[in-house]
PDB file of N, CA and C in Angstrom:
ATOM      1  N   MET A   1      41.802  18.164  33.623  1.00  0.00           N
ATOM      2  CA  MET A   1      41.203  17.701  32.382  1.00  0.00           C
ATOM      3  C   MET A   1      39.693  17.595  32.565  1.00  0.00           C
ATOM      4  N   LEU A   2      38.968  18.053  31.583  1.00  0.00           N
ATOM      5  CA  LEU A   2      37.513  18.034  31.637  1.00  0.00           C
ATOM      6  C   LEU A   2      36.970  16.657  31.282  1.00  0.00           C
ATOM      7  N   ASP A   3      35.872  16.296  31.900  1.00  0.00           N
ATOM      8  CA  ASP A   3      35.190  15.078  31.479  1.00  0.00           C
ATOM      9  C   ASP A   3      34.380  15.388  30.220  1.00  0.00           C
ATOM     10  N   PHE A   4      33.882  14.351  29.583  1.00  0.00           N
ATOM     11  CA  PHE A   4      33.174  14.519  28.309  1.00  0.00           C
ATOM     12  C   PHE A   4      31.961  15.425  28.443  1.00  0.00           C
ATOM     13  N   LEU A   5      31.146  15.200  29.474  1.00  0.00           N
ATOM     14  CA  LEU A   5      29.931  15.988  29.647  1.00  0.00           C
ATOM     15  C   LEU A   5      30.261  17.462  29.886  1.00  0.00           C
ATOM     16  N   GLY A   6      31.311  17.720  30.660  1.00  0.00           N
ATOM     17  CA  GLY A   6      31.721  19.102  30.901  1.00  0.00           C
ATOM     18  C   GLY A   6      32.165  19.792  29.625  1.00  0.00           C
ATOM     19  N   ALA A   7      32.941  19.066  28.812  1.00  0.00           N
ATOM     20  CA  ALA A   7      33.401  19.631  27.549  1.00  0.00           C
ATOM     21  C   ALA A   7      32.229  19.871  26.602  1.00  0.00           C
ATOM     22  N   LEU A   8      31.278  18.937  26.608  1.00  0.00           N
ATOM     23  CA  LEU A   8      30.107  19.076  25.756  1.00  0.00           C
ATOM     24  C   LEU A   8      29.261  20.274  26.176  1.00  0.00           C
ATOM     25  N   THR A   9      29.123  20.470  27.474  1.00  0.00           N
ATOM     26  CA  THR A   9      28.367  21.619  27.981  1.00  0.00           C
ATOM     27  C   THR A   9      29.022  22.926  27.555  1.00  0.00           C
ATOM     28  N   ILE A  10      30.334  22.974  27.665  1.00  0.00           N
ATOM     29  CA  ILE A  10      31.056  24.182  27.255  1.00  0.00           C
ATOM     30  C   ILE A  10      30.895  24.401  25.754  1.00  0.00           C
ATOM     31  N   LEU A  11      30.954  23.312  24.989  1.00  0.00           N
ATOM     32  CA  LEU A  11      30.792  23.432  23.544  1.00  0.00           C
ATOM     33  C   LEU A  11      29.419  23.977  23.187  1.00  0.00           C
ATOM     34  N   VAL A  12      28.393  23.494  23.845  1.00  0.00           N
ATOM     35  CA  VAL A  12      27.038  24.006  23.597  1.00  0.00           C
ATOM     36  C   VAL A  12      26.983  25.492  23.921  1.00  0.00           C
ATOM     37  N   ASN A  13      27.638  25.899  25.001  1.00  0.00           N
ATOM     38  CA  ASN A  13      27.682  27.318  25.358  1.00  0.00           C
ATOM     39  C   ASN A  13      28.407  28.136  24.300  1.00  0.00           C
ATOM     40  N   ILE A  14      29.487  27.584  23.754  1.00  0.00           N
ATOM     41  CA  ILE A  14      30.240  28.283  22.710  1.00  0.00           C
ATOM     42  C   ILE A  14      29.371  28.459  21.467  1.00  0.00           C
ATOM     43  N   ILE A  15      28.660  27.396  21.097  1.00  0.00           N
ATOM     44  CA  ILE A  15      27.768  27.487  19.944  1.00  0.00           C
ATOM     45  C   ILE A  15      26.713  28.551  20.189  1.00  0.00           C
ATOM     46  N   ASP A  16      26.195  28.577  21.399  1.00  0.00           N
ATOM     47  CA  ASP A  16      25.194  29.574  21.763  1.00  0.00           C
ATOM     48  C   ASP A  16      25.775  30.982  21.655  1.00  0.00           C
ATOM     49  N   ILE A  17      26.985  31.153  22.154  1.00  0.00           N
ATOM     50  CA  ILE A  17      27.634  32.466  22.138  1.00  0.00           C
ATOM     51  C   ILE A  17      27.875  32.930  20.708  1.00  0.00           C
ATOM     52  N   LEU A  18      28.308  32.007  19.871  1.00  0.00           N
ATOM     53  CA  LEU A  18      28.599  32.365  18.484  1.00  0.00           C
ATOM     54  C   LEU A  18      27.346  32.522  17.640  1.00  0.00           C
ATOM     55  N   GLY A  19      26.204  32.213  18.229  1.00  0.00           N
ATOM     56  CA  GLY A  19      24.967  32.309  17.469  1.00  0.00           C
ATOM     57  C   GLY A  19      24.870  31.219  16.427  1.00  0.00           C
ATOM     58  N   GLY A  20      25.468  30.080  16.726  1.00  0.00           N
ATOM     59  CA  GLY A  20      25.556  28.985  15.759  1.00  0.00           C
ATOM     60  C   GLY A  20      24.232  28.307  15.504  1.00  0.00           C
ATOM     61  N   ASN A  21      23.533  28.748  14.496  1.00  0.00           N
ATOM     62  CA  ASN A  21      22.299  28.085  14.100  1.00  0.00           C
ATOM     63  C   ASN A  21      22.646  27.095  12.990  1.00  0.00           C
ATOM     64  N   MET A  22      23.214  25.964  13.397  1.00  0.00           N
ATOM     65  CA  MET A  22      23.648  24.985  12.429  1.00  0.00           C
ATOM     66  C   MET A  22      22.451  24.157  11.987  1.00  0.00           C
ATOM     67  N   GLU A  23      22.288  24.010  10.691  1.00  0.00           N
ATOM     68  CA  GLU A  23      21.218  23.180  10.167  1.00  0.00           C
ATOM     69  C   GLU A  23      21.808  22.100   9.296  1.00  0.00           C
ATOM     70  N   LYS A  24      21.301  20.914   9.473  1.00  0.00           N
ATOM     71  CA  LYS A  24      21.728  19.768   8.695  1.00  0.00           C
ATOM     72  C   LYS A  24      20.505  19.257   7.945  1.00  0.00           C
ATOM     73  N   VAL A  25      20.691  18.912   6.674  1.00  0.00           N
ATOM     74  CA  VAL A  25      19.601  18.337   5.889  1.00  0.00           C
ATOM     75  C   VAL A  25      19.891  16.850   5.735  1.00  0.00           C
ATOM     76  N   ILE A  26      18.884  16.023   6.039  1.00  0.00           N
ATOM     77  CA  ILE A  26      19.079  14.580   6.024  1.00  0.00           C
ATOM     78  C   ILE A  26      17.864  13.902   5.403  1.00  0.00           C
ATOM     79  N   ASP A  27      18.103  12.801   4.707  1.00  0.00           N
ATOM     80  CA  ASP A  27      17.032  12.050   4.053  1.00  0.00           C
ATOM     81  C   ASP A  27      16.173  11.339   5.107  1.00  0.00           C
ATOM     82  N   ALA A  28      14.897  11.165   4.813  1.00  0.00           N
ATOM     83  CA  ALA A  28      13.954  10.559   5.763  1.00  0.00           C
ATOM     84  C   ALA A  28      14.349   9.135   6.142  1.00  0.00           C
ATOM     85  N   THR A  29      14.871   8.363   5.196  1.00  0.00           N
ATOM     86  CA  THR A  29      15.283   6.986   5.488  1.00  0.00           C
ATOM     87  C   THR A  29      16.432   6.964   6.488  1.00  0.00           C
ATOM     88  N   ILE A  30      17.400   7.826   6.292  1.00  0.00           N
ATOM     89  CA  ILE A  30      18.535   7.904   7.219  1.00  0.00           C
ATOM     90  C   ILE A  30      18.070   8.426   8.569  1.00  0.00           C
ATOM     91  N   ALA A  31      17.158   9.386   8.566  1.00  0.00           N
ATOM     92  CA  ALA A  31      16.633   9.917   9.823  1.00  0.00           C
ATOM     93  C   ALA A  31      15.933   8.827  10.624  1.00  0.00           C
ATOM     94  N   ARG A  32      15.213   7.967   9.937  1.00  0.00           N
ATOM     95  CA  ARG A  32      14.509   6.872  10.614  1.00  0.00           C
ATOM     96  C   ARG A  32      15.515   5.921  11.253  1.00  0.00           C
ATOM     97  N   ARG A  33      16.582   5.620  10.550  1.00  0.00           N
ATOM     98  CA  ARG A  33      17.591   4.688  11.064  1.00  0.00           C
ATOM     99  C   ARG A  33      18.406   5.277  12.208  1.00  0.00           C
ATOM    100  N   ARG A  34      18.600   6.576  12.193  1.00  0.00           N
ATOM    101  CA  ARG A  34      19.506   7.219  13.155  1.00  0.00           C
ATOM    102  C   ARG A  34      18.796   8.226  14.055  1.00  0.00           C
ATOM    103  N   LEU A  35      17.538   7.982  14.348  1.00  0.00           N
ATOM    104  CA  LEU A  35      16.761   8.959  15.115  1.00  0.00           C
ATOM    105  C   LEU A  35      17.412   9.279  16.460  1.00  0.00           C
ATOM    106  N   GLY A  36      17.876   8.272  17.170  1.00  0.00           N
ATOM    107  CA  GLY A  36      18.500   8.511  18.469  1.00  0.00           C
ATOM    108  C   GLY A  36      19.716   9.416  18.369  1.00  0.00           C
ATOM    109  N   THR A  37      20.561   9.169  17.384  1.00  0.00           N
ATOM    110  CA  THR A  37      21.751   9.996  17.173  1.00  0.00           C
ATOM    111  C   THR A  37      21.367  11.420  16.807  1.00  0.00           C
ATOM    112  N   LEU A  38      20.360  11.552  15.956  1.00  0.00           N
ATOM    113  CA  LEU A  38      19.908  12.889  15.560  1.00  0.00           C
ATOM    114  C   LEU A  38      19.350  13.661  16.745  1.00  0.00           C
ATOM    115  N   LEU A  39      18.595  12.974  17.599  1.00  0.00           N
ATOM    116  CA  LEU A  39      18.057  13.640  18.784  1.00  0.00           C
ATOM    117  C   LEU A  39      19.181  14.101  19.703  1.00  0.00           C
ATOM    118  N   ASP A  40      20.245  13.297  19.837  1.00  0.00           N
ATOM    119  CA  ASP A  40      21.396  13.705  20.639  1.00  0.00           C
ATOM    120  C   ASP A  40      22.046  14.956  20.058  1.00  0.00           C
ATOM    121  N   GLU A  41      22.185  15.000  18.729  1.00  0.00           N
ATOM    122  CA  GLU A  41      22.783  16.173  18.089  1.00  0.00           C
ATOM    123  C   GLU A  41      21.942  17.419  18.331  1.00  0.00           C
ATOM    124  N   VAL A  42      20.637  17.254  18.247  1.00  0.00           N
ATOM    125  CA  VAL A  42      19.745  18.395  18.476  1.00  0.00           C
ATOM    126  C   VAL A  42      19.836  18.850  19.923  1.00  0.00           C
ATOM    127  N   TYR A  43      19.796  17.902  20.851  1.00  0.00           N
ATOM    128  CA  TYR A  43      19.776  18.249  22.270  1.00  0.00           C
ATOM    129  C   TYR A  43      21.121  18.785  22.764  1.00  0.00           C
ATOM    130  N   TYR A  44      22.218  18.062  22.444  1.00  0.00           N
ATOM    131  CA  TYR A  44      23.513  18.429  22.999  1.00  0.00           C
ATOM    132  C   TYR A  44      24.236  19.509  22.208  1.00  0.00           C
ATOM    133  N   LYS A  45      24.064  19.524  20.893  1.00  0.00           N
ATOM    134  CA  LYS A  45      24.783  20.489  20.067  1.00  0.00           C
ATOM    135  C   LYS A  45      23.948  21.705  19.703  1.00  0.00           C
ATOM    136  N   GLY A  46      22.648  21.625  19.903  1.00  0.00           N
ATOM    137  CA  GLY A  46      21.786  22.739  19.552  1.00  0.00           C
ATOM    138  C   GLY A  46      21.549  22.855  18.064  1.00  0.00           C
ATOM    139  N   GLU A  47      21.803  21.773  17.329  1.00  0.00           N
ATOM    140  CA  GLU A  47      21.610  21.803  15.879  1.00  0.00           C
ATOM    141  C   GLU A  47      20.132  21.686  15.521  1.00  0.00           C
ATOM    142  N   SER A  48      19.801  22.187  14.369  1.00  0.00           N
ATOM    143  CA  SER A  48      18.479  21.970  13.779  1.00  0.00           C
ATOM    144  C   SER A  48      18.671  21.023  12.618  1.00  0.00           C
ATOM    145  N   ILE A  49      17.763  20.068  12.481  1.00  0.00           N
ATOM    146  CA  ILE A  49      17.887  19.080  11.418  1.00  0.00           C
ATOM    147  C   ILE A  49      16.628  19.114  10.565  1.00  0.00           C
ATOM    148  N   ILE A  50      16.830  19.258   9.262  1.00  0.00           N
ATOM    149  CA  ILE A  50      15.729  19.256   8.312  1.00  0.00           C
ATOM    150  C   ILE A  50      15.658  17.875   7.685  1.00  0.00           C
ATOM    151  N   ILE A  51      14.468  17.290   7.687  1.00  0.00           N
ATOM    152  CA  ILE A  51      14.266  15.967   7.108  1.00  0.00           C
ATOM    153  C   ILE A  51      13.577  16.137   5.769  1.00  0.00           C
ATOM    154  N   GLU A  52      14.166  15.493   4.751  1.00  0.00           N
ATOM    155  CA  GLU A  52      13.599  15.594   3.416  1.00  0.00           C
ATOM    156  C   GLU A  52      13.385  14.210   2.816  1.00  0.00           C
ATOM    157  N   ARG A  53      12.461  14.142   1.865  1.00  0.00           N
ATOM    158  CA  ARG A  53      12.217  12.912   1.115  1.00  0.00           C
ATOM    159  C   ARG A  53      12.166  13.295  -0.354  1.00  0.00           C
ATOM    160  N   LYS A  54      13.006  12.642  -1.139  1.00  0.00           N
ATOM    161  CA  LYS A  54      13.100  12.898  -2.584  1.00  0.00           C
ATOM    162  C   LYS A  54      13.339  14.374  -2.876  1.00  0.00           C
ATOM    163  N   GLY A  55      14.173  15.006  -2.056  1.00  0.00           N
ATOM    164  CA  GLY A  55      14.531  16.402  -2.266  1.00  0.00           C
ATOM    165  C   GLY A  55      13.541  17.420  -1.742  1.00  0.00           C
ATOM    166  N   LYS A  56      12.409  16.961  -1.226  1.00  0.00           N
ATOM    167  CA  LYS A  56      11.397  17.875  -0.704  1.00  0.00           C
ATOM    168  C   LYS A  56      11.513  17.929   0.824  1.00  0.00           C
ATOM    169  N   LYS A  57      11.675  19.133   1.358  1.00  0.00           N
ATOM    170  CA  LYS A  57      11.798  19.297   2.806  1.00  0.00           C
ATOM    171  C   LYS A  57      10.443  19.080   3.461  1.00  0.00           C
ATOM    172  N   LEU A  58      10.418  18.139   4.425  1.00  0.00           N
ATOM    173  CA  LEU A  58       9.159  17.755   5.056  1.00  0.00           C
ATOM    174  C   LEU A  58       9.021  18.224   6.497  1.00  0.00           C
ATOM    175  N   ALA A  59      10.113  18.164   7.258  1.00  0.00           N
ATOM    176  CA  ALA A  59      10.030  18.469   8.684  1.00  0.00           C
ATOM    177  C   ALA A  59      11.351  19.026   9.181  1.00  0.00           C
ATOM    178  N   LYS A  60      11.278  19.606  10.371  1.00  0.00           N
ATOM    179  CA  LYS A  60      12.474  20.167  10.988  1.00  0.00           C
ATOM    180  C   LYS A  60      12.475  19.787  12.464  1.00  0.00           C
ATOM    181  N   ILE A  61      13.606  19.245  12.929  1.00  0.00           N
ATOM    182  CA  ILE A  61      13.774  18.932  14.347  1.00  0.00           C
ATOM    183  C   ILE A  61      14.601  20.051  14.955  1.00  0.00           C
ATOM    184  N   VAL A  62      14.067  20.705  15.959  1.00  0.00           N
ATOM    185  CA  VAL A  62      14.758  21.825  16.603  1.00  0.00           C
ATOM    186  C   VAL A  62      14.861  21.548  18.097  1.00  0.00           C
ATOM    187  N   PRO A  63      15.862  22.129  18.757  1.00  0.00           N
ATOM    188  CA  PRO A  63      16.012  21.913  20.197  1.00  0.00           C
ATOM    189  C   PRO A  63      14.847  22.531  20.972  1.00  0.00           C
ATOM    190  N   LEU A  64      14.388  21.813  21.958  1.00  0.00           N
ATOM    191  CA  LEU A  64      13.341  22.301  22.842  1.00  0.00           C
ATOM    192  C   LEU A  64      14.016  23.049  23.989  1.00  0.00           C
ATOM    193  N   ASN A  65      13.574  24.248  24.283  1.00  0.00           N
ATOM    194  CA  ASN A  65      14.124  25.059  25.371  1.00  0.00           C
ATOM    195  C   ASN A  65      15.609  25.347  25.218  1.00  0.00           C
ATOM    196  N   TYR A  66      16.079  25.449  23.980  1.00  0.00           N
ATOM    197  CA  TYR A  66      17.476  25.830  23.778  1.00  0.00           C
ATOM    198  C   TYR A  66      17.594  27.313  24.086  1.00  0.00           C
ATOM    199  N   PRO A  67      18.623  27.731  24.825  1.00  0.00           N
ATOM    200  CA  PRO A  67      18.735  29.137  25.228  1.00  0.00           C
ATOM    201  C   PRO A  67      18.744  30.092  24.036  1.00  0.00           C
ATOM    202  N   GLU A  68      18.202  31.259  24.250  1.00  0.00           N
ATOM    203  CA  GLU A  68      18.198  32.278  23.201  1.00  0.00           C
ATOM    204  C   GLU A  68      19.631  32.653  22.832  1.00  0.00           C
ATOM    205  N   LYS A  69      19.842  32.963  21.580  1.00  0.00           N
ATOM    206  CA  LYS A  69      21.172  33.343  21.110  1.00  0.00           C
ATOM    207  C   LYS A  69      21.551  34.706  21.677  1.00  0.00           C
ATOM    208  N   SER A  70      22.783  34.801  22.115  1.00  0.00           N
ATOM    209  CA  SER A  70      23.274  36.044  22.667  1.00  0.00           C
ATOM    210  C   SER A  70      24.661  36.313  22.104  1.00  0.00           C
ATOM    211  N   ASN A  71      24.802  37.336  21.307  1.00  0.00           N
ATOM    212  CA  ASN A  71      26.077  37.635  20.664  1.00  0.00           C
ATOM    213  C   ASN A  71      26.947  38.595  21.464  1.00  0.00           C
ATOM    214  N   ASN A  72      26.494  39.039  22.627  1.00  0.00           N
ATOM    215  CA  ASN A  72      27.264  40.038  23.358  1.00  0.00           C
ATOM    216  C   ASN A  72      28.269  39.426  24.332  1.00  0.00           C
ATOM    217  N   LYS A  73      28.339  38.112  24.411  1.00  0.00           N
ATOM    218  CA  LYS A  73      29.306  37.467  25.294  1.00  0.00           C
ATOM    219  C   LYS A  73      30.604  37.211  24.533  1.00  0.00           C
ATOM    220  N   LEU A  74      31.708  37.141  25.274  1.00  0.00           N
ATOM    221  CA  LEU A  74      33.003  36.831  24.678  1.00  0.00           C
ATOM    222  C   LEU A  74      33.462  35.463  25.153  1.00  0.00           C
ATOM    223  N   LEU A  75      34.237  34.781  24.325  1.00  0.00           N
ATOM    224  CA  LEU A  75      34.766  33.480  24.697  1.00  0.00           C
ATOM    225  C   LEU A  75      35.937  33.640  25.656  1.00  0.00           C
ATOM    226  N   THR A  76      35.966  32.789  26.663  1.00  0.00           N
ATOM    227  CA  THR A  76      37.115  32.763  27.575  1.00  0.00           C
ATOM    228  C   THR A  76      38.230  31.975  26.894  1.00  0.00           C
ATOM    229  N   PRO A  77      39.463  32.141  27.345  1.00  0.00           N
ATOM    230  CA  PRO A  77      40.561  31.362  26.748  1.00  0.00           C
ATOM    231  C   PRO A  77      40.318  29.852  26.825  1.00  0.00           C
ATOM    232  N   MET A  78      39.724  29.386  27.924  1.00  0.00           N
ATOM    233  CA  MET A  78      39.434  27.954  28.063  1.00  0.00           C
ATOM    234  C   MET A  78      38.405  27.512  27.028  1.00  0.00           C
ATOM    235  N   GLN A  79      37.374  28.318  26.783  1.00  0.00           N
ATOM    236  CA  GLN A  79      36.361  27.985  25.786  1.00  0.00           C
ATOM    237  C   GLN A  79      36.968  27.959  24.381  1.00  0.00           C
ATOM    238  N   LYS A  80      37.866  28.909  24.089  1.00  0.00           N
ATOM    239  CA  LYS A  80      38.531  28.928  22.791  1.00  0.00           C
ATOM    240  C   LYS A  80      39.376  27.675  22.600  1.00  0.00           C
ATOM    241  N   LYS A  81      40.081  27.266  23.669  1.00  0.00           N
ATOM    242  CA  LYS A  81      40.927  26.073  23.601  1.00  0.00           C
ATOM    243  C   LYS A  81      40.079  24.832  23.339  1.00  0.00           C
ATOM    244  N   ILE A  82      38.968  24.708  24.039  1.00  0.00           N
ATOM    245  CA  ILE A  82      38.094  23.549  23.866  1.00  0.00           C
ATOM    246  C   ILE A  82      37.479  23.542  22.473  1.00  0.00           C
ATOM    247  N   LEU A  83      37.074  24.708  21.993  1.00  0.00           N
ATOM    248  CA  LEU A  83      36.504  24.797  20.646  1.00  0.00           C
ATOM    249  C   LEU A  83      37.537  24.386  19.600  1.00  0.00           C
ATOM    250  N   ASP A  84      38.781  24.828  19.753  1.00  0.00           N
ATOM    251  CA  ASP A  84      39.842  24.444  18.818  1.00  0.00           C
ATOM    252  C   ASP A  84      40.081  22.939  18.850  1.00  0.00           C
ATOM    253  N   GLU A  85      40.116  22.361  20.063  1.00  0.00           N
ATOM    254  CA  GLU A  85      40.317  20.911  20.187  1.00  0.00           C
ATOM    255  C   GLU A  85      39.149  20.154  19.563  1.00  0.00           C
ATOM    256  N   PHE A  86      37.950  20.629  19.801  1.00  0.00           N
ATOM    257  CA  PHE A  86      36.774  19.967  19.241  1.00  0.00           C
ATOM    258  C   PHE A  86      36.786  20.018  17.720  1.00  0.00           C
ATOM    259  N   ASN A  87      37.131  21.161  17.163  1.00  0.00           N
ATOM    260  CA  ASN A  87      37.153  21.311  15.705  1.00  0.00           C
ATOM    261  C   ASN A  87      38.253  20.484  15.054  1.00  0.00           C
ATOM    262  N   SER A  88      39.279  20.116  15.826  1.00  0.00           N
ATOM    263  CA  SER A  88      40.369  19.317  15.264  1.00  0.00           C
ATOM    264  C   SER A  88      40.054  17.817  15.264  1.00  0.00           C
ATOM    265  N   LEU A  89      38.975  17.411  15.935  1.00  0.00           N
ATOM    266  CA  LEU A  89      38.614  15.998  15.975  1.00  0.00           C
ATOM    267  C   LEU A  89      38.090  15.542  14.618  1.00  0.00           C
ATOM    268  N   PRO A  90      38.396  14.286  14.247  1.00  0.00           N
ATOM    269  CA  PRO A  90      37.871  13.787  12.976  1.00  0.00           C
ATOM    270  C   PRO A  90      36.376  13.516  13.071  1.00  0.00           C
ATOM    271  N   ILE A  91      35.692  13.636  11.956  1.00  0.00           N
ATOM    272  CA  ILE A  91      34.259  13.359  11.899  1.00  0.00           C
ATOM    273  C   ILE A  91      34.090  11.899  11.497  1.00  0.00           C
ATOM    274  N   LEU A  92      33.413  11.148  12.319  1.00  0.00           N
ATOM    275  CA  LEU A  92      33.190   9.735  12.051  1.00  0.00           C
ATOM    276  C   LEU A  92      31.724   9.506  11.738  1.00  0.00           C
ATOM    277  N   GLU A  93      31.472   8.843  10.633  1.00  0.00           N
ATOM    278  CA  GLU A  93      30.102   8.498  10.278  1.00  0.00           C
ATOM    279  C   GLU A  93      30.057   7.043   9.890  1.00  0.00           C
ATOM    280  N   ILE A  94      29.035   6.368  10.333  1.00  0.00           N
ATOM    281  CA  ILE A  94      28.824   4.983   9.955  1.00  0.00           C
ATOM    282  C   ILE A  94      27.818   4.989   8.824  1.00  0.00           C
ATOM    283  N   GLU A  95      28.251   4.524   7.658  1.00  0.00           N
ATOM    284  CA  GLU A  95      27.377   4.516   6.492  1.00  0.00           C
ATOM    285  C   GLU A  95      26.410   3.343   6.523  1.00  0.00           C
ATOM    286  N   GLU A  96      26.699   2.367   7.394  1.00  0.00           N
ATOM    287  CA  GLU A  96      25.910   1.153   7.457  1.00  0.00           C
ATOM    288  C   GLU A  96      25.020   1.197   8.693  1.00  0.00           C
ATOM    289  N   GLU A  97      23.866   0.586   8.600  1.00  0.00           N
ATOM    290  CA  GLU A  97      22.985   0.522   9.753  1.00  0.00           C
ATOM    291  C   GLU A  97      23.667  -0.294  10.857  1.00  0.00           C
ATOM    292  N   PRO A  98      23.621   0.156  12.109  1.00  0.00           N
ATOM    293  CA  PRO A  98      24.334  -0.530  13.192  1.00  0.00           C
ATOM    294  C   PRO A  98      23.989  -2.011  13.334  1.00  0.00           C
ATOM    295  N   THR A  99      22.736  -2.384  13.148  1.00  0.00           N
ATOM    296  CA  THR A  99      22.369  -3.799  13.279  1.00  0.00           C
ATOM    297  C   THR A  99      23.018  -4.636  12.183  1.00  0.00           C
ATOM    298  N   ASP A 100      23.086  -4.114  10.961  1.00  0.00           N
ATOM    299  CA  ASP A 100      23.748  -4.833   9.874  1.00  0.00           C
ATOM    300  C   ASP A 100      25.244  -4.980  10.154  1.00  0.00           C
ATOM    301  N   LEU A 101      25.844  -3.927  10.685  1.00  0.00           N
ATOM    302  CA  LEU A 101      27.258  -3.963  11.027  1.00  0.00           C
ATOM    303  C   LEU A 101      27.532  -5.017  12.095  1.00  0.00           C
ATOM    304  N   LEU A 102      26.694  -5.082  13.125  1.00  0.00           N
ATOM    305  CA  LEU A 102      26.851  -6.087  14.177  1.00  0.00           C
ATOM    306  C   LEU A 102      26.694  -7.502  13.628  1.00  0.00           C
ATOM    307  N   ARG A 103      25.695  -7.706  12.789  1.00  0.00           N
ATOM    308  CA  ARG A 103      25.491  -9.031  12.196  1.00  0.00           C
ATOM    309  C   ARG A 103      26.717  -9.472  11.397  1.00  0.00           C
ATOM    310  N   ARG A 104      27.253  -8.560  10.602  1.00  0.00           N
ATOM    311  CA  ARG A 104      28.427  -8.879   9.794  1.00  0.00           C
ATOM    312  C   ARG A 104      29.622  -9.219  10.683  1.00  0.00           C
ATOM    313  N   MET A 105      29.816  -8.447  11.755  1.00  0.00           N
ATOM    314  CA  MET A 105      30.928  -8.711  12.678  1.00  0.00           C
ATOM    315  C   MET A 105      30.766 -10.068  13.361  1.00  0.00           C
ATOM    316  N   ARG A 106      29.532 -10.410  13.755  1.00  0.00           N
ATOM    317  CA  ARG A 106      29.281 -11.695  14.408  1.00  0.00           C
ATOM    318  C   ARG A 106      29.511 -12.861  13.461  1.00  0.00           C
ATOM    319  N   LYS A 107      29.117 -12.701  12.196  1.00  0.00           N
ATOM    320  CA  LYS A 107      29.353 -13.750  11.205  1.00  0.00           C
ATOM    321  C   LYS A 107      30.849 -13.980  11.008  1.00  0.00           C
ATOM    322  N   LYS A 108      31.619 -12.897  10.952  1.00  0.00           N
ATOM    323  CA  LYS A 108      33.073 -13.022  10.806  1.00  0.00           C
ATOM    324  C   LYS A 108      33.673 -13.750  12.005  1.00  0.00           C
ATOM    325  N   ARG A 109      33.219 -13.383  13.205  1.00  0.00           N
ATOM    326  CA  ARG A 109      33.724 -14.012  14.424  1.00  0.00           C
ATOM    327  C   ARG A 109      33.359 -15.497  14.450  1.00  0.00           C
ATOM    328  N   ALA A 110      32.129 -15.833  14.045  1.00  0.00           N
ATOM    329  CA  ALA A 110      31.696 -17.234  14.024  1.00  0.00           C
ATOM    330  C   ALA A 110      32.511 -18.028  13.005  1.00  0.00           C
ATOM    331  N   ALA A 111      32.750 -17.465  11.832  1.00  0.00           N
ATOM    332  CA  ALA A 111      33.544 -18.150  10.805  1.00  0.00           C
ATOM    333  C   ALA A 111      34.974 -18.366  11.292  1.00  0.00           C
ATOM    334  N   LYS A 112      35.522 -17.401  11.982  1.00  0.00           N
ATOM    335  CA  LYS A 112      36.878 -17.517  12.514  1.00  0.00           C
ATOM    336  C   LYS A 112      36.949 -18.620  13.569  1.00  0.00           C
ATOM    337  N   SER A 113      35.947 -18.679  14.429  1.00  0.00           N
ATOM    338  CA  SER A 113      35.904 -19.714  15.459  1.00  0.00           C
ATOM    339  C   SER A 113      35.768 -21.098  14.837  1.00  0.00           C
ATOM    340  N   LYS A 114      34.909 -21.219  13.818  1.00  0.00           N
ATOM    341  CA  LYS A 114      34.723 -22.505  13.138  1.00  0.00           C
ATOM    342  C   LYS A 114      36.025 -22.967  12.496  1.00  0.00           C
ATOM    343  N   ALA A 115      36.717 -22.035  11.859  1.00  0.00           N
ATOM    344  CA  ALA A 115      37.979 -22.367  11.213  1.00  0.00           C
ATOM    345  C   ALA A 115      39.036 -22.755  12.248  1.00  0.00           C
ATOM    346  N   GLN A 116      39.040 -22.067  13.371  1.00  0.00           N
ATOM    347  CA  GLN A 116      40.032 -22.310  14.412  1.00  0.00           C
ATOM    348  C   GLN A 116      39.824 -23.681  15.066  1.00  0.00           C
ATOM    349  N   TYR A 117      38.583 -24.063  15.309  1.00  0.00           N
ATOM    350  CA  TYR A 117      38.288 -25.301  16.009  1.00  0.00           C
ATOM    351  C   TYR A 117      37.878 -26.435  15.077  1.00  0.00           C
ATOM    352  N   GLY A 118      37.877 -26.185  13.773  1.00  0.00           N
ATOM    353  CA  GLY A 118      37.569 -27.215  12.791  1.00  0.00           C
ATOM    354  C   GLY A 118      36.136 -27.710  12.854  1.00  0.00           C
ATOM    355  N   ILE A 119      35.226 -26.843  13.113  1.00  0.00           N
ATOM    356  CA  ILE A 119      33.806 -27.230  13.214  1.00  0.00           C
ATOM    357  C   ILE A 119      33.167 -27.153  11.849  1.00  0.00           C
TER     358      ILE A 119
END
């Protein structure tokens, strides 16, 4: 069984082989809140991300030193299997800012503790 980093490396290679120039368009406010996640997507997945404000495209984040696309390679059976498994995974997105989510969870936990101990 492959570890996560190994599978991710193979996935990046598969994207490279397929010539996957994936571009995502994202609002500037969301980009500001999720910059770390976006940088991971650019670095590990080779995606390009376009940042827009009020429908106007302002900037593009692209991978630095991402290998040149090469369409003459073929996928190995192991790469095909990993790509199929990866594509079958559900897409999870957090619509709420992580700090707000943590605050809400802590408030719930505090209220539960107060109720439990009668404080």
